[in-house]
C-alpha atoms as a PDB file:
ATOM      1  CA  MET A   1      -0.265  -0.118  -0.320  1.00  0.00           C
ATOM      2  CA  ILE A   2       1.148   3.747  -0.877  1.00  0.00           C
ATOM      3  CA  LEU A   3       0.532   6.386   1.788  1.00  0.00           C
ATOM      4  CA  TYR A   4       0.842   9.753  -0.113  1.00  0.00           C
ATOM      5  CA  ILE A   5       0.760  12.936   2.039  1.00  0.00           C
ATOM      6  CA  GLY A   6       0.070  16.467   0.538  1.00  0.00           C
ATOM      7  CA  ASN A   7      -2.371  19.281   0.284  1.00  0.00           C
ATOM      8  CA  ILE A   8      -5.839  17.903  -0.694  1.00  0.00           C
ATOM      9  CA  ILE A   9      -7.416  21.381  -0.789  1.00  0.00           C
ATOM     10  CA  SER A  10      -9.088  21.889  -4.024  1.00  0.00           C
ATOM     11  CA  SER A  11     -12.131  21.505  -2.356  1.00  0.00           C
ATOM     12  CA  HIS A  12     -11.668  24.775  -0.251  1.00  0.00           C
ATOM     13  CA  GLY A  13     -11.152  26.948  -3.027  1.00  0.00           C
ATOM     14  CA  LYS A  14      -7.121  26.633  -3.673  1.00  0.00           C
ATOM     15  CA  THR A  15      -5.484  25.239  -7.006  1.00  0.00           C
ATOM     16  CA  PRO A  16      -5.655  21.353  -7.024  1.00  0.00           C
ATOM     17  CA  THR A  17      -2.012  19.950  -6.338  1.00  0.00           C
ATOM     18  CA  THR A  18       0.093  16.851  -7.707  1.00  0.00           C
ATOM     19  CA  ILE A  19      -1.831  14.571  -4.830  1.00  0.00           C
ATOM     20  CA  GLU A  20      -4.807  14.862  -6.333  1.00  0.00           C
ATOM     21  CA  THR A  21      -3.524  13.680  -9.719  1.00  0.00           C
ATOM     22  CA  LEU A  22      -1.065  11.183  -9.059  1.00  0.00           C
ATOM     23  CA  SER A  23      -2.942   9.325  -6.195  1.00  0.00           C
ATOM     24  CA  LYS A  24      -5.656   8.877  -9.119  1.00  0.00           C
ATOM     25  CA  LEU A  25      -3.296   7.336 -11.580  1.00  0.00           C
ATOM     26  CA  PHE A  26      -1.830   5.112  -8.980  1.00  0.00           C
ATOM     27  CA  ARG A  27      -5.030   3.876  -8.334  1.00  0.00           C
ATOM     28  CA  GLY A  28      -5.840   3.416 -12.076  1.00  0.00           C
ATOM     29  CA  GLU A  29      -2.501   1.261 -12.233  1.00  0.00           C
ATOM     30  CA  GLY A  30      -3.735  -1.077  -9.425  1.00  0.00           C
ATOM     31  CA  TYR A  31      -2.138   0.233  -6.700  1.00  0.00           C
ATOM     32  CA  ASP A  32      -3.766   0.623  -3.045  1.00  0.00           C
ATOM     33  CA  VAL A  33      -3.209   4.185  -2.069  1.00  0.00           C
ATOM     34  CA  GLU A  34      -4.216   6.210   1.118  1.00  0.00           C
ATOM     35  CA  THR A  35      -4.042  10.008   1.024  1.00  0.00           C
ATOM     36  CA  ALA A  36      -4.133  12.641   4.036  1.00  0.00           C
ATOM     37  CA  SER A  37      -4.861  15.552   4.281  1.00  0.00           C
ATOM     38  CA  ASP A  38      -7.831  17.596   3.182  1.00  0.00           C
ATOM     39  CA  LYS A  39      -8.387  19.653   6.292  1.00  0.00           C
ATOM     40  CA  GLN A  40      -8.399  23.424   5.589  1.00  0.00           C
ATOM     41  CA  ASN A  41      -7.156  24.747   8.831  1.00  0.00           C
ATOM     42  CA  LYS A  42      -3.188  24.259   8.577  1.00  0.00           C
ATOM     43  CA  SER A  43      -2.966  22.668  12.359  1.00  0.00           C
ATOM     44  CA  LEU A  44      -5.815  20.143  11.825  1.00  0.00           C
ATOM     45  CA  ARG A  45      -3.970  19.051   8.316  1.00  0.00           C
ATOM     46  CA  LEU A  46      -0.520  18.305  10.150  1.00  0.00           C
ATOM     47  CA  LEU A  47      -2.359  16.444  12.624  1.00  0.00           C
ATOM     48  CA  ASP A  48      -4.196  14.463  10.197  1.00  0.00           C
ATOM     49  CA  MET A  49      -1.340  13.828   8.023  1.00  0.00           C
ATOM     50  CA  LEU A  50       0.751  12.458  11.372  1.00  0.00           C
ATOM     51  CA  TYR A  51      -2.102  10.532  12.436  1.00  0.00           C
ATOM     52  CA  ALA A  52      -2.489   8.934   8.919  1.00  0.00           C
ATOM     53  CA  VAL A  53       1.225   7.721   9.190  1.00  0.00           C
ATOM     54  CA  TRP A  54       0.577   6.269  12.119  1.00  0.00           C
ATOM     55  CA  ASN A  55      -2.442   4.723  11.328  1.00  0.00           C
ATOM     56  CA  TYR A  56      -1.037   2.815   8.415  1.00  0.00           C
ATOM     57  CA  ARG A  57       2.323   2.257   9.728  1.00  0.00           C
ATOM     58  CA  LYS A  58       1.953  -1.626   9.188  1.00  0.00           C
ATOM     59  CA  GLN A  59       0.044  -1.608   5.789  1.00  0.00           C
ATOM     60  CA  ALA A  60       2.232   1.234   4.317  1.00  0.00           C
ATOM     61  CA  SER A  61       4.965  -0.375   2.380  1.00  0.00           C
ATOM     62  CA  VAL A  62       6.283   3.846   1.277  1.00  0.00           C
ATOM     63  CA  VAL A  63       5.171   7.179   2.053  1.00  0.00           C
ATOM     64  CA  LEU A  64       4.985   9.523  -0.368  1.00  0.00           C
ATOM     65  CA  ILE A  65       5.615  13.128   0.938  1.00  0.00           C
ATOM     66  CA  ASP A  66       5.018  16.174  -1.145  1.00  0.00           C
ATOM     67  CA  THR A  67       7.386  18.476  -0.491  1.00  0.00           C
ATOM     68  CA  TYR A  68       7.262  22.373  -0.804  1.00  0.00           C
ATOM     69  CA  SER A  69       9.514  25.420   0.415  1.00  0.00           C
ATOM     70  CA  THR A  70       7.479  27.317   2.706  1.00  0.00           C
ATOM     71  CA  ALA A  71       5.537  26.753   5.934  1.00  0.00           C
ATOM     72  CA  ASN A  72       4.688  23.303   4.313  1.00  0.00           C
ATOM     73  CA  PHE A  73       7.879  22.155   4.859  1.00  0.00           C
ATOM     74  CA  TYR A  74       7.438  21.934   8.418  1.00  0.00           C
ATOM     75  CA  TYR A  75       4.854  19.087   7.155  1.00  0.00           C
ATOM     76  CA  ALA A  76       7.381  17.197   5.412  1.00  0.00           C
ATOM     77  CA  PHE A  77       9.944  17.635   8.422  1.00  0.00           C
ATOM     78  CA  LEU A  78       7.667  16.413  11.197  1.00  0.00           C
ATOM     79  CA  VAL A  79       5.650  13.376   8.898  1.00  0.00           C
ATOM     80  CA  ALA A  80       9.580  12.528   7.598  1.00  0.00           C
ATOM     81  CA  LYS A  81      10.987  12.466  11.666  1.00  0.00           C
ATOM     82  CA  LEU A  82       7.836  10.110  12.309  1.00  0.00           C
ATOM     83  CA  CYS A  83       8.446   7.923   9.464  1.00  0.00           C
ATOM     84  CA  GLN A  84      11.897   7.627  10.472  1.00  0.00           C
ATOM     85  CA  LEU A  85      10.816   6.591  14.126  1.00  0.00           C
ATOM     86  CA  LEU A  86       8.538   4.054  12.766  1.00  0.00           C
ATOM     87  CA  LYS A  87      11.327   3.002  10.421  1.00  0.00           C
ATOM     88  CA  MET A  88       8.693   3.485   7.375  1.00  0.00           C
ATOM     89  CA  ASN A  89      10.496   4.185   3.834  1.00  0.00           C
ATOM     90  CA  TYR A  90       9.693   7.556   2.672  1.00  0.00           C
ATOM     91  CA  ILE A  91      10.096   9.214  -0.601  1.00  0.00           C
ATOM     92  CA  PRO A  92       9.948  13.279  -0.573  1.00  0.00           C
ATOM     93  CA  ILE A  93       8.624  14.604  -3.944  1.00  0.00           C
ATOM     94  CA  LEU A  94      10.653  17.906  -4.517  1.00  0.00           C
ATOM     95  CA  HIS A  95       8.175  20.455  -5.496  1.00  0.00           C
ATOM     96  CA  GLY A  96       8.852  24.063  -3.419  1.00  0.00           C
ATOM     97  CA  GLY A  97      11.150  25.926  -6.170  1.00  0.00           C
ATOM     98  CA  ASP A  98      12.659  27.880  -2.901  1.00  0.00           C
ATOM     99  CA  LEU A  99      14.169  24.834  -1.675  1.00  0.00           C
ATOM    100  CA  GLU A 100      17.783  25.767  -2.046  1.00  0.00           C
ATOM    101  CA  HIS A 101      17.001  28.372   0.746  1.00  0.00           C
ATOM    102  CA  ARG A 102      15.634  25.479   2.877  1.00  0.00           C
ATOM    103  CA  LEU A 103      19.203  23.727   2.042  1.00  0.00           C
ATOM    104  CA  LYS A 104      21.327  27.222   3.018  1.00  0.00           C
ATOM    105  CA  ASN A 105      19.448  28.466   5.958  1.00  0.00           C
ATOM    106  CA  SER A 106      18.142  25.008   7.389  1.00  0.00           C
ATOM    107  CA  PRO A 107      20.817  22.730   6.907  1.00  0.00           C
ATOM    108  CA  ARG A 108      20.113  20.111   9.747  1.00  0.00           C
ATOM    109  CA  MET A 109      16.374  20.268   9.215  1.00  0.00           C
ATOM    110  CA  SER A 110      17.241  19.483   5.421  1.00  0.00           C
ATOM    111  CA  GLU A 111      19.817  16.767   6.189  1.00  0.00           C
ATOM    112  CA  SER A 112      17.390  14.959   8.430  1.00  0.00           C
ATOM    113  CA  ILE A 113      14.880  14.888   6.397  1.00  0.00           C
ATOM    114  CA  PHE A 114      16.978  14.341   2.872  1.00  0.00           C
ATOM    115  CA  SER A 115      19.660  11.678   3.706  1.00  0.00           C
ATOM    116  CA  ASN A 116      17.523   9.645   5.448  1.00  0.00           C
ATOM    117  CA  ALA A 117      14.605   9.225   2.769  1.00  0.00           C
ATOM    118  CA  HIS A 118      14.449   5.961   0.393  1.00  0.00           C
ATOM    119  CA  VAL A 119      15.072   8.145  -2.546  1.00  0.00           C
ATOM    120  CA  LEU A 120      14.482  11.683  -3.657  1.00  0.00           C
ATOM    121  CA  VAL A 121      12.441  12.673  -6.537  1.00  0.00           C
ATOM    122  CA  SER A 122      12.093  15.646  -8.354  1.00  0.00           C
ATOM    123  CA  PRO A 123       9.744  16.297 -11.162  1.00  0.00           C
ATOM    124  CA  SER A 124      12.124  19.181 -12.458  1.00  0.00           C
ATOM    125  CA  LEU A 125      15.932  19.109 -13.690  1.00  0.00           C
ATOM    126  CA  PHE A 126      16.190  22.319 -12.278  1.00  0.00           C
ATOM    127  CA  LEU A 127      15.568  20.882  -8.400  1.00  0.00           C
ATOM    128  CA  LYS A 128      17.710  17.945  -9.283  1.00  0.00           C
ATOM    129  CA  GLU A 129      20.622  20.307 -10.138  1.00  0.00           C
ATOM    130  CA  VAL A 130      20.275  22.592  -6.650  1.00  0.00           C
ATOM    131  CA  PHE A 131      19.981  19.421  -4.635  1.00  0.00           C
ATOM    132  CA  ALA A 132      23.321  18.061  -6.501  1.00  0.00           C
ATOM    133  CA  LYS A 133      25.011  21.334  -5.764  1.00  0.00           C
ATOM    134  CA  TYR A 134      24.472  20.466  -1.715  1.00  0.00           C
ATOM    135  CA  GLY A 135      25.526  17.098  -2.154  1.00  0.00           C
ATOM    136  CA  TYR A 136      22.631  15.087  -2.986  1.00  0.00           C
ATOM    137  CA  ALA A 137      23.777  13.550  -6.111  1.00  0.00           C
ATOM    138  CA  ASP A 138      21.088  10.823  -6.347  1.00  0.00           C
ATOM    139  CA  VAL A 139      18.159  12.628  -6.873  1.00  0.00           C
ATOM    140  CA  VAL A 140      15.496  10.752  -9.299  1.00  0.00           C
ATOM    141  CA  GLN A 141      13.946  13.207 -12.165  1.00  0.00           C
ATOM    142  CA  ILE A 142      10.415  12.001 -12.722  1.00  0.00           C
ATOM    143  CA  PRO A 143       8.636  15.013 -14.599  1.00  0.00           C
ATOM    144  CA  ASN A 144       4.971  15.779 -13.341  1.00  0.00           C
ATOM    145  CA  ASN A 145       2.593  13.675 -15.183  1.00  0.00           C
ATOM    146  CA  ILE A 146       0.644  14.681 -18.745  1.00  0.00           C
ATOM    147  CA  GLN A 147      -1.814  13.063 -20.692  1.00  0.00           C
ATOM    148  CA  ILE A 148       0.130  13.460 -23.913  1.00  0.00           C
ATOM    149  CA  ASP A 149      -2.492  12.582 -26.331  1.00  0.00           C
ATOM    150  CA  SER A 150      -4.567  14.953 -25.054  1.00  0.00           C
ATOM    151  CA  TYR A 151      -2.426  17.912 -26.915  1.00  0.00           C
ATOM    152  CA  ILE A 152      -1.895  17.466 -30.710  1.00  0.00           C
ATOM    153  CA  PHE A 153       1.181  19.366 -32.380  1.00  0.00           C
ATOM    154  CA  LYS A 154       0.169  21.797 -34.852  1.00  0.00           C
ATOM    155  CA  ASN A 155       3.407  23.594 -36.931  1.00  0.00           C
ATOM    156  CA  ARG A 156       2.917  27.244 -36.881  1.00  0.00           C
ATOM    157  CA  GLY A 157       4.587  29.262 -39.453  1.00  0.00           C
ATOM    158  CA  ASN A 158       3.065  32.428 -38.212  1.00  0.00           C
ATOM    159  CA  VAL A 159       3.566  33.021 -34.714  1.00  0.00           C
ATOM    160  CA  ARG A 160       0.690  34.236 -32.522  1.00  0.00           C
ATOM    161  CA  PRO A 161       1.713  33.731 -28.828  1.00  0.00           C
ATOM    162  CA  ARG A 162      -1.118  32.893 -26.622  1.00  0.00           C
ATOM    163  CA  LEU A 163       0.207  32.745 -23.206  1.00  0.00           C
ATOM    164  CA  LEU A 164      -1.248  30.640 -20.381  1.00  0.00           C
ATOM    165  CA  TRP A 165      -0.301  31.476 -16.556  1.00  0.00           C
ATOM    166  CA  VAL A 166      -1.450  29.128 -13.996  1.00  0.00           C
ATOM    167  CA  ARG A 167      -0.746  29.541 -10.199  1.00  0.00           C
ATOM    168  CA  SER A 168      -1.784  31.120  -7.206  1.00  0.00           C
ATOM    169  CA  PHE A 169      -1.739  34.934  -7.136  1.00  0.00           C
ATOM    170  CA  ALA A 170       1.256  35.078  -4.666  1.00  0.00           C
ATOM    171  CA  ASP A 171       4.126  37.321  -5.095  1.00  0.00           C
ATOM    172  CA  ILE A 172       6.855  34.367  -4.607  1.00  0.00           C
ATOM    173  CA  TYR A 173       5.436  32.821  -8.186  1.00  0.00           C
ATOM    174  CA  ASN A 174       6.282  36.410  -9.890  1.00  0.00           C
ATOM    175  CA  PRO A 175       2.944  36.940 -11.468  1.00  0.00           C
ATOM    176  CA  LEU A 176       3.989  40.256 -12.482  1.00  0.00           C
ATOM    177  CA  MET A 177       6.785  38.920 -14.712  1.00  0.00           C
ATOM    178  CA  ALA A 178       4.084  37.164 -17.025  1.00  0.00           C
ATOM    179  CA  VAL A 179       2.649  40.966 -17.385  1.00  0.00           C
ATOM    180  CA  ARG A 180       6.064  42.415 -18.501  1.00  0.00           C
ATOM    181  CA  VAL A 181       6.503  39.462 -20.886  1.00  0.00           C
ATOM    182  CA  LEU A 182       3.158  39.960 -22.807  1.00  0.00           C
ATOM    183  CA  LYS A 183       4.427  43.995 -23.048  1.00  0.00           C
ATOM    184  CA  GLU A 184       7.614  42.908 -24.468  1.00  0.00           C
ATOM    185  CA  LEU A 185       5.863  40.759 -26.982  1.00  0.00           C
ATOM    186  CA  LEU A 186       3.510  43.444 -28.161  1.00  0.00           C
ATOM    187  CA  ASP A 187       6.324  46.058 -28.276  1.00  0.00           C
ATOM    188  CA  GLN A 188       8.335  43.442 -30.690  1.00  0.00           C
ATOM    189  CA  GLY A 189       5.067  43.462 -33.170  1.00  0.00           C
ATOM    190  CA  TYR A 190       3.798  40.296 -31.736  1.00  0.00           C
ATOM    191  CA  ASP A 191      -0.018  39.721 -32.178  1.00  0.00           C
ATOM    192  CA  ALA A 192       0.110  38.274 -28.320  1.00  0.00           C
ATOM    193  CA  THR A 193      -2.526  37.706 -25.556  1.00  0.00           C
ATOM    194  CA  LEU A 194      -2.198  36.623 -21.999  1.00  0.00           C
ATOM    195  CA  CYS A 195      -4.707  34.733 -19.718  1.00  0.00           C
ATOM    196  CA  MET A 196      -4.077  34.382 -15.897  1.00  0.00           C
ATOM    197  CA  ILE A 197      -5.716  31.931 -14.021  1.00  0.00           C
ATOM    198  CA  GLY A 198      -5.588  31.332  -9.949  1.00  0.00           C
ATOM    199  CA  PRO A 199      -6.990  32.174  -6.942  1.00  0.00           C
ATOM    200  CA  GLU A 200      -6.061  35.559  -4.825  1.00  0.00           C
ATOM    201  CA  LYS A 201      -3.121  34.661  -2.176  1.00  0.00           C
ATOM    202  CA  ASP A 202      -1.237  37.687  -1.087  1.00  0.00           C
ATOM    203  CA  GLY A 203      -2.636  40.651  -3.085  1.00  0.00           C
ATOM    204  CA  ALA A 204      -0.460  39.745  -6.039  1.00  0.00           C
ATOM    205  CA  LEU A 205      -3.918  39.705  -8.249  1.00  0.00           C
ATOM    206  CA  GLN A 206      -4.446  43.089  -7.769  1.00  0.00           C
ATOM    207  CA  ARG A 207      -0.774  44.158  -8.217  1.00  0.00           C
ATOM    208  CA  SER A 208      -0.940  42.285 -11.732  1.00  0.00           C
ATOM    209  CA  LYS A 209      -3.767  44.207 -12.538  1.00  0.00           C
ATOM    210  CA  ASP A 210      -2.784  47.302 -11.469  1.00  0.00           C
ATOM    211  CA  LEU A 211       0.662  46.987 -13.607  1.00  0.00           C
ATOM    212  CA  ALA A 212      -1.324  45.761 -16.791  1.00  0.00           C
ATOM    213  CA  ARG A 213      -3.327  49.101 -16.786  1.00  0.00           C
ATOM    214  CA  GLN A 214       0.353  51.040 -16.250  1.00  0.00           C
ATOM    215  CA  LEU A 215       1.411  49.029 -19.271  1.00  0.00           C
ATOM    216  CA  GLY A 216      -1.569  49.575 -21.065  1.00  0.00           C
ATOM    217  CA  VAL A 217      -2.147  45.917 -21.851  1.00  0.00           C
ATOM    218  CA  ARG A 218      -5.136  43.714 -22.027  1.00  0.00           C
ATOM    219  CA  ILE A 219      -4.690  40.515 -19.788  1.00  0.00           C
ATOM    220  CA  THR A 220      -7.638  37.932 -18.854  1.00  0.00           C
ATOM    221  CA  PHE A 221      -8.133  37.446 -15.200  1.00  0.00           C
ATOM    222  CA  THR A 222     -10.395  34.448 -14.575  1.00  0.00           C
ATOM    223  CA  GLY A 223      -9.626  33.537 -10.817  1.00  0.00           C
ATOM    224  CA  LEU A 224      -9.846  30.093  -9.831  1.00  0.00           C
ATOM    225  CA  LEU A 225     -11.287  27.797 -12.282  1.00  0.00           C
END
């Protein structure tokens, strides 16, 4: 059995995360998968994650842990420590683009999580290379899942960029850069458009709208879809 630990919070108006798609695909391949947690309150979510590890300590052959770089880093740390205590194999799946900050500024916590893992998995080559710089040379890169047959290739002779930005509107994800990219393309004469999809998080949505107005570019803001 696979126990998958991560944030299952799309039902609370948040962007769906990897655990919500990958767990379904695992089940489709015939694996028995349990997940945690869908609690909206962060403290309750952490407790639910730890309880799941304890509850499935005898059934689970491996624990997958979605590992991010901000506050959710502490979820991964505590879940990993409990796995170590219970002698359970665990695999951190490295999602946080700013995990280098953790490797640099929280070296003991990072070493405690990552050095004792069964294996480290990174969806991106970027994070694989970052971890190699800090001595974690055996990170396995497994790209994020995508249904390739849903996307048909079309060779375009006349390029008309149709840009799509999908993320929570938070400064850490730099949505303002997308607005500036659109401006650059328009200034170079391209017939370009930009659609930005995602929920508000820290005021970055309004700042993106303000910048678009300041630069005189039209952007479609859909909110959460």
